[in-house]
Protein backbone atom coordinates (compact mmCIF):
# COMPACT_ATOMS: atom_id res chain seq x y z
CA MET A 1 129.97 89.97 72.41
CA SER A 2 129.66 90.41 69.13
CA MET A 3 131.80 93.61 67.34
CA LEU A 4 128.68 95.49 67.62
CA GLU A 5 127.90 94.62 70.91
CA GLY A 6 131.06 95.90 71.70
CA LEU A 7 130.97 99.11 69.67
CA MET A 8 127.95 100.13 71.12
CA LYS A 9 128.62 100.14 74.80
CA LEU A 10 131.39 102.89 73.91
CA LEU A 11 128.34 105.10 72.77
CA ASP A 12 128.00 108.56 74.81
CA GLY A 13 130.94 108.30 75.97
CA PRO A 14 134.77 109.54 75.96
CA ARG A 15 135.54 107.53 72.56
CA ASP A 16 132.19 108.32 70.89
CA GLY A 17 132.75 110.26 67.84
CA ALA A 18 132.74 110.16 64.05
CA LEU A 19 134.41 107.05 63.42
CA LEU A 20 132.95 104.70 66.13
CA ARG A 21 129.51 105.53 64.67
CA PHE A 22 130.61 105.18 61.24
CA GLY A 23 132.04 101.96 62.25
CA ILE A 24 128.72 101.31 63.87
CA ALA A 25 126.55 102.14 60.75
CA LYS A 26 129.00 99.61 58.95
CA GLU A 27 128.08 96.92 60.92
CA LEU A 28 124.65 97.00 61.33
CA HIS A 29 124.88 97.85 57.42
CA ASP A 30 126.41 94.42 56.96
CA GLN A 31 123.86 92.56 59.09
CA GLN A 32 121.07 94.28 56.79
CA ARG A 33 120.18 96.66 59.53
CA SER A 34 119.80 99.73 57.32
CA ALA A 35 117.29 101.79 58.84
CA GLU A 36 119.26 101.78 62.14
CA ALA A 37 122.61 102.47 60.39
CA ILE A 38 120.83 105.82 59.16
CA VAL A 39 121.01 107.36 62.69
CA HIS A 40 124.79 106.63 63.33
CA LEU A 41 125.47 107.87 59.86
CA GLU A 42 124.06 111.29 60.58
CA LYS A 43 125.39 111.62 63.74
CA ALA A 44 128.69 110.85 62.47
CA LEU A 45 128.04 113.38 59.50
CA ALA A 46 126.84 116.11 61.94
CA LEU A 47 129.94 115.25 64.34
CA GLN A 48 132.16 115.36 60.99
CA PRO A 49 130.42 116.81 58.04
CA GLU A 50 133.83 116.45 55.38
CA TYR A 51 133.77 112.38 56.24
CA SER A 52 133.20 111.27 52.78
CA ALA A 53 133.43 107.73 53.60
CA ALA A 54 129.94 108.04 56.12
CA TRP A 55 128.95 110.37 52.74
CA LYS A 56 129.62 107.07 50.77
CA LEU A 57 128.46 104.51 53.31
CA LEU A 58 125.03 106.72 53.71
CA GLY A 59 124.19 106.81 50.21
CA HIS A 60 125.04 102.52 49.66
CA VAL A 61 122.90 102.19 53.14
CA LEU A 62 119.70 104.26 51.61
CA LYS A 63 120.04 102.70 48.36
CA ALA A 64 119.67 99.17 49.96
CA LEU A 65 116.47 100.98 51.90
CA GLY A 66 115.13 101.67 48.57
CA ARG A 67 115.93 105.55 48.52
CA GLU A 68 117.26 105.95 45.74
CA ASP A 69 116.73 109.76 45.11
CA ASP A 70 118.29 110.07 48.48
CA ALA A 71 121.19 107.85 47.82
CA LEU A 72 121.84 110.21 45.46
CA GLY A 73 122.05 113.32 47.14
CA ALA A 74 124.50 111.67 49.69
CA TRP A 75 126.58 110.41 47.01
CA ARG A 76 126.38 114.04 45.46
CA GLN A 77 127.25 115.64 48.48
CA GLY A 78 129.45 113.11 49.48
CA ILE A 79 131.77 113.96 45.75
CA GLU A 80 131.34 117.56 46.61
CA VAL A 81 133.08 116.48 50.45
CA ALA A 82 135.79 114.63 48.88
CA THR A 83 136.43 116.71 45.85
CA ALA A 84 137.13 119.49 48.83
CA ARG A 85 139.56 117.35 51.06
CA GLY A 86 141.67 115.73 47.35
CA ASP A 87 139.82 112.49 48.43
CA ILE A 88 140.07 111.73 44.15
CA GLN A 89 138.78 107.81 45.01
CA ALA A 90 135.89 108.42 47.12
CA VAL A 91 135.00 110.82 44.13
CA LYS A 92 135.14 108.43 41.99
CA GLU A 93 133.34 105.56 43.51
CA MET A 94 130.66 107.96 44.49
CA THR A 95 130.61 109.38 40.87
CA VAL A 96 130.16 105.79 39.63
CA PHE A 97 127.30 104.55 42.23
CA ALA A 98 125.51 107.69 41.48
CA ARG A 99 126.11 107.47 37.54
CA ARG A 100 124.47 103.66 37.94
CA ILE A 101 121.66 104.74 39.14
CA GLU A 102 121.25 107.29 36.77
CA LYS A 103 121.95 105.02 33.83
CA ALA A 104 119.25 102.58 35.21
CA ARG A 105 116.44 105.12 35.12
CA SER A 106 117.15 106.28 31.81
CA GLY A 107 116.66 102.94 30.77
CA GLY A 108 121.07 102.56 30.20
CA ASN A 109 121.44 105.27 27.34
CA THR A 110 123.77 107.34 30.30
CA PRO A 111 127.41 106.87 28.99
C-alpha cells in the first residue's frame, strides 16, 4: 500500500483533520495530481484557516495548474495568516513566491 492509499483510508474517520488533508494534498501534488490536491487543501483550510503551510502549498498547487492569480491570492492570504501567527519563515517564503510572479509579469523590473 502506498503512502497516499494509507492516508486516504483515514478520511472521514476520527483522524480526519487539517493535518491529514494537508498530507494527502502534498502527496497528490508530488504525483502531479494538483487538481485533486485542491479539494483537500480547501478542506484543511476550512477546518483550520490559520494553517499557514496549507496556504503556502495551495499557492504552489494553483501555480502548477497555471492559475497564477489564484496562487497570488492564496499566498497573500497565507502571508496575512502567518503574520498574525508570528510564523516569520512562512511569511518570508510566501513573499518570495508572490514576488516571483509579480516580477515575471512586470518583465523583471520589480525589485
